Amino acid sequence: MLQSSLQRRTWLTLRRQEALWFHIFVVPWIIGFLVFTLYPTVAALYLSFTRYNALRPPVFIGLANYRNLFHDPVFFTSLRVTFTYAIIAVP
């Protein structure tokens, strides 16, 4: 009986150590993901709905930027060129 409880305590200690090492190795990756991927993506999405100038604070204008984008003929030309390049260069 004494040996069984000792094995159980050792197992819990090993499990806690494994959990601790897991968190030690995973936390830097999570911080890097949040700082270098998630934050810039969310910031870019927010700024896409604003009129932004580096000298003035952003002003929310909603979907006006996207409306202007879809009425610009250069946008569709750039999409066509990009897809053509991707189809030729990627394979």
N, C-alpha and C. Protein backbone atom coordinates (compact mmCIF):
# COMPACT_ATOMS: atom_id res chain seq x y z
N MET A 1 0.82 -1.19 0.00
CA MET A 1 0.00 0.00 0.00
C MET A 1 0.86 1.25 0.00
N LEU A 2 1.93 1.24 0.79
CA LEU A 2 2.81 2.39 0.88
C LEU A 2 3.51 2.63 -0.45
N GLN A 3 3.90 1.57 -1.11
CA GLN A 3 4.60 1.72 -2.38
C GLN A 3 3.65 2.25 -3.46
N SER A 4 2.39 1.85 -3.44
CA SER A 4 1.41 2.32 -4.40
C SER A 4 1.21 3.83 -4.28
N SER A 5 1.09 4.34 -3.06
CA SER A 5 0.90 5.78 -2.89
C SER A 5 2.16 6.54 -3.28
N LEU A 6 3.33 5.96 -3.04
CA LEU A 6 4.58 6.59 -3.44
C LEU A 6 4.68 6.65 -4.96
N GLN A 7 4.27 5.58 -5.63
CA GLN A 7 4.28 5.58 -7.10
C GLN A 7 3.29 6.63 -7.63
N ARG A 8 2.15 6.76 -7.00
CA ARG A 8 1.16 7.73 -7.43
C ARG A 8 1.70 9.14 -7.29
N ARG A 9 2.36 9.45 -6.15
CA ARG A 9 2.93 10.78 -5.95
C ARG A 9 4.04 11.05 -6.97
N THR A 10 4.85 10.06 -7.24
CA THR A 10 5.91 10.23 -8.23
C THR A 10 5.31 10.49 -9.60
N TRP A 11 4.25 9.76 -9.93
CA TRP A 11 3.59 9.95 -11.22
C TRP A 11 3.02 11.35 -11.32
N LEU A 12 2.38 11.86 -10.27
CA LEU A 12 1.85 13.22 -10.31
C LEU A 12 2.97 14.23 -10.44
N THR A 13 4.07 13.98 -9.78
CA THR A 13 5.19 14.89 -9.88
C THR A 13 5.74 14.89 -11.31
N LEU A 14 5.87 13.73 -11.91
CA LEU A 14 6.33 13.66 -13.29
C LEU A 14 5.35 14.34 -14.24
N ARG A 15 4.08 14.16 -14.00
CA ARG A 15 3.06 14.79 -14.83
C ARG A 15 3.14 16.31 -14.72
N ARG A 16 3.34 16.81 -13.51
CA ARG A 16 3.48 18.26 -13.33
C ARG A 16 4.75 18.78 -13.99
N GLN A 17 5.82 18.01 -13.90
CA GLN A 17 7.06 18.43 -14.55
C GLN A 17 6.89 18.48 -16.07
N GLU A 18 6.23 17.48 -16.61
CA GLU A 18 5.98 17.49 -18.05
C GLU A 18 5.11 18.67 -18.45
N ALA A 19 4.10 18.97 -17.66
CA ALA A 19 3.24 20.11 -17.95
C ALA A 19 4.03 21.42 -17.87
N LEU A 20 4.89 21.52 -16.88
CA LEU A 20 5.71 22.72 -16.74
C LEU A 20 6.63 22.90 -17.94
N TRP A 21 7.30 21.83 -18.36
CA TRP A 21 8.19 21.93 -19.52
C TRP A 21 7.39 22.22 -20.79
N PHE A 22 6.21 21.65 -20.90
CA PHE A 22 5.36 21.96 -22.05
C PHE A 22 5.09 23.45 -22.12
N HIS A 23 4.69 24.03 -21.01
CA HIS A 23 4.39 25.47 -20.99
C HIS A 23 5.64 26.31 -21.23
N ILE A 24 6.76 25.88 -20.71
CA ILE A 24 8.00 26.63 -20.93
C ILE A 24 8.35 26.67 -22.42
N PHE A 25 8.11 25.58 -23.12
CA PHE A 25 8.44 25.54 -24.55
C PHE A 25 7.36 26.16 -25.43
N VAL A 26 6.11 26.15 -25.00
CA VAL A 26 5.02 26.63 -25.84
C VAL A 26 4.79 28.14 -25.69
N VAL A 27 4.98 28.67 -24.52
CA VAL A 27 4.69 30.09 -24.27
C VAL A 27 5.48 31.02 -25.19
N PRO A 28 6.76 30.83 -25.44
CA PRO A 28 7.45 31.73 -26.38
C PRO A 28 6.84 31.70 -27.78
N TRP A 29 6.43 30.52 -28.23
CA TRP A 29 5.80 30.43 -29.54
C TRP A 29 4.49 31.21 -29.55
N ILE A 30 3.70 31.08 -28.52
CA ILE A 30 2.41 31.79 -28.46
C ILE A 30 2.64 33.29 -28.44
N ILE A 31 3.61 33.75 -27.66
CA ILE A 31 3.91 35.18 -27.61
C ILE A 31 4.38 35.66 -28.99
N GLY A 32 5.24 34.90 -29.63
CA GLY A 32 5.69 35.27 -30.97
C GLY A 32 4.55 35.31 -31.96
N PHE A 33 3.65 34.35 -31.89
CA PHE A 33 2.49 34.34 -32.78
C PHE A 33 1.63 35.57 -32.55
N LEU A 34 1.36 35.90 -31.30
CA LEU A 34 0.51 37.05 -31.01
C LEU A 34 1.16 38.36 -31.45
N VAL A 35 2.44 38.50 -31.19
CA VAL A 35 3.13 39.76 -31.49
C VAL A 35 3.40 39.92 -32.97
N PHE A 36 3.86 38.87 -33.64
CA PHE A 36 4.31 39.00 -35.02
C PHE A 36 3.29 38.58 -36.07
N THR A 37 2.20 37.94 -35.70
CA THR A 37 1.21 37.50 -36.69
C THR A 37 -0.17 38.05 -36.39
N LEU A 38 -0.68 37.77 -35.23
CA LEU A 38 -2.07 38.14 -34.93
C LEU A 38 -2.25 39.65 -34.82
N TYR A 39 -1.38 40.34 -34.08
CA TYR A 39 -1.53 41.79 -33.92
C TYR A 39 -1.43 42.53 -35.26
N PRO A 40 -0.43 42.27 -36.11
CA PRO A 40 -0.39 42.97 -37.39
C PRO A 40 -1.60 42.68 -38.28
N THR A 41 -2.11 41.45 -38.22
CA THR A 41 -3.28 41.11 -39.03
C THR A 41 -4.51 41.89 -38.57
N VAL A 42 -4.73 41.93 -37.27
CA VAL A 42 -5.88 42.67 -36.73
C VAL A 42 -5.72 44.17 -36.97
N ALA A 43 -4.51 44.69 -36.81
CA ALA A 43 -4.27 46.12 -37.05
C ALA A 43 -4.51 46.47 -38.51
N ALA A 44 -4.07 45.62 -39.44
CA ALA A 44 -4.29 45.87 -40.86
C ALA A 44 -5.78 45.82 -41.20
N LEU A 45 -6.49 44.89 -40.61
CA LEU A 45 -7.93 44.81 -40.84
C LEU A 45 -8.63 46.07 -40.32
N TYR A 46 -8.25 46.52 -39.13
CA TYR A 46 -8.82 47.75 -38.57
C TYR A 46 -8.51 48.94 -39.47
N LEU A 47 -7.27 49.08 -39.89
CA LEU A 47 -6.88 50.22 -40.72
C LEU A 47 -7.53 50.17 -42.10
N SER A 48 -7.93 49.00 -42.57
CA SER A 48 -8.60 48.93 -43.87
C SER A 48 -9.99 49.55 -43.84
N PHE A 49 -10.54 49.73 -42.66
CA PHE A 49 -11.85 50.37 -42.53
C PHE A 49 -11.73 51.84 -42.13
N THR A 50 -10.54 52.41 -42.21
CA THR A 50 -10.34 53.80 -41.80
C THR A 50 -9.65 54.58 -42.91
N ARG A 51 -9.73 55.92 -42.80
CA ARG A 51 -8.91 56.80 -43.62
C ARG A 51 -7.72 57.13 -42.74
N TYR A 52 -6.56 56.70 -43.17
CA TYR A 52 -5.40 56.75 -42.30
C TYR A 52 -4.31 57.60 -42.94
N ASN A 53 -3.78 58.52 -42.15
CA ASN A 53 -2.64 59.32 -42.55
C ASN A 53 -1.65 59.22 -41.39
N ALA A 54 -0.38 59.11 -41.68
CA ALA A 54 0.62 58.92 -40.62
C ALA A 54 0.69 60.12 -39.68
N LEU A 55 0.23 61.27 -40.13
CA LEU A 55 0.29 62.48 -39.30
C LEU A 55 -0.97 62.72 -38.50
N ARG A 56 -2.06 62.05 -38.87
CA ARG A 56 -3.34 62.23 -38.16
C ARG A 56 -3.87 60.89 -37.70
N PRO A 57 -4.70 60.89 -36.68
CA PRO A 57 -5.28 59.62 -36.24
C PRO A 57 -6.25 59.06 -37.28
N PRO A 58 -6.44 57.73 -37.28
CA PRO A 58 -7.35 57.12 -38.25
C PRO A 58 -8.80 57.56 -38.02
N VAL A 59 -9.53 57.74 -39.12
CA VAL A 59 -10.95 58.10 -39.08
C VAL A 59 -11.72 56.95 -39.70
N PHE A 60 -12.70 56.41 -38.98
CA PHE A 60 -13.47 55.27 -39.46
C PHE A 60 -14.35 55.70 -40.62
N ILE A 61 -14.24 54.99 -41.77
CA ILE A 61 -15.07 55.29 -42.93
C ILE A 61 -15.82 54.06 -43.43
N GLY A 62 -15.74 52.98 -42.72
CA GLY A 62 -16.50 51.77 -43.06
C GLY A 62 -15.98 51.10 -44.32
N LEU A 63 -16.88 50.75 -45.21
CA LEU A 63 -16.53 49.99 -46.42
C LEU A 63 -16.16 50.86 -47.60
N ALA A 64 -15.99 52.16 -47.40
CA ALA A 64 -15.68 53.07 -48.51
C ALA A 64 -14.38 52.69 -49.21
N ASN A 65 -13.38 52.26 -48.48
CA ASN A 65 -12.12 51.84 -49.11
C ASN A 65 -12.34 50.66 -50.04
N TYR A 66 -13.18 49.72 -49.63
CA TYR A 66 -13.44 48.54 -50.47
C TYR A 66 -14.30 48.91 -51.68
N ARG A 67 -15.25 49.83 -51.49
CA ARG A 67 -16.03 50.30 -52.62
C ARG A 67 -15.13 50.93 -53.67
N ASN A 68 -14.22 51.78 -53.22
CA ASN A 68 -13.27 52.41 -54.15
C ASN A 68 -12.38 51.37 -54.81
N LEU A 69 -11.99 50.37 -54.07
CA LEU A 69 -11.12 49.33 -54.60
C LEU A 69 -11.78 48.59 -55.76
N PHE A 70 -13.04 48.22 -55.60
CA PHE A 70 -13.73 47.44 -56.63
C PHE A 70 -14.16 48.28 -57.82
N HIS A 71 -14.12 49.60 -57.71
CA HIS A 71 -14.41 50.46 -58.85
C HIS A 71 -13.14 50.90 -59.57
N ASP A 72 -11.99 50.46 -59.12
CA ASP A 72 -10.71 50.82 -59.73
C ASP A 72 -10.31 49.74 -60.73
N PRO A 73 -10.17 50.09 -62.01
CA PRO A 73 -9.82 49.07 -63.01
C PRO A 73 -8.41 48.51 -62.82
N VAL A 74 -7.52 49.25 -62.21
CA VAL A 74 -6.16 48.77 -61.99
C VAL A 74 -6.15 47.59 -61.02
N PHE A 75 -7.11 47.54 -60.10
CA PHE A 75 -7.20 46.44 -59.14
C PHE A 75 -7.41 45.11 -59.86
N PHE A 76 -8.34 45.09 -60.80
CA PHE A 76 -8.62 43.84 -61.51
C PHE A 76 -7.47 43.46 -62.44
N THR A 77 -6.80 44.45 -63.01
CA THR A 77 -5.62 44.16 -63.82
C THR A 77 -4.52 43.54 -62.96
N SER A 78 -4.32 44.08 -61.78
CA SER A 78 -3.28 43.54 -60.89
C SER A 78 -3.64 42.13 -60.44
N LEU A 79 -4.92 41.85 -60.19
CA LEU A 79 -5.33 40.49 -59.84
C LEU A 79 -5.04 39.52 -60.98
N ARG A 80 -5.37 39.93 -62.20
CA ARG A 80 -5.13 39.06 -63.36
C ARG A 80 -3.65 38.78 -63.51
N VAL A 81 -2.81 39.80 -63.41
CA VAL A 81 -1.37 39.63 -63.55
C VAL A 81 -0.82 38.74 -62.43
N THR A 82 -1.30 38.94 -61.21
CA THR A 82 -0.83 38.14 -60.07
C THR A 82 -1.19 36.68 -60.25
N PHE A 83 -2.44 36.39 -60.63
CA PHE A 83 -2.84 35.00 -60.82
C PHE A 83 -2.11 34.35 -62.00
N THR A 84 -1.88 35.11 -63.06
CA THR A 84 -1.13 34.58 -64.19
C THR A 84 0.29 34.22 -63.78
N TYR A 85 0.92 35.10 -63.04
CA TYR A 85 2.27 34.84 -62.55
C TYR A 85 2.29 33.60 -61.63
N ALA A 86 1.31 33.52 -60.74
CA ALA A 86 1.26 32.38 -59.80
C ALA A 86 1.05 31.07 -60.54
N ILE A 87 0.21 31.08 -61.55
CA ILE A 87 -0.07 29.86 -62.31
C ILE A 87 1.17 29.42 -63.10
N ILE A 88 1.93 30.39 -63.59
CA ILE A 88 3.11 30.04 -64.39
C ILE A 88 4.31 29.72 -63.48
N ALA A 89 4.52 30.50 -62.43
CA ALA A 89 5.74 30.39 -61.63
C ALA A 89 5.68 29.29 -60.57
N VAL A 90 4.54 29.05 -59.99
CA VAL A 90 4.47 28.10 -58.88
C VAL A 90 4.75 26.66 -59.31
N PRO A 91 4.13 26.15 -60.36
CA PRO A 91 4.43 24.75 -60.73
C PRO A 91 5.87 24.58 -61.14
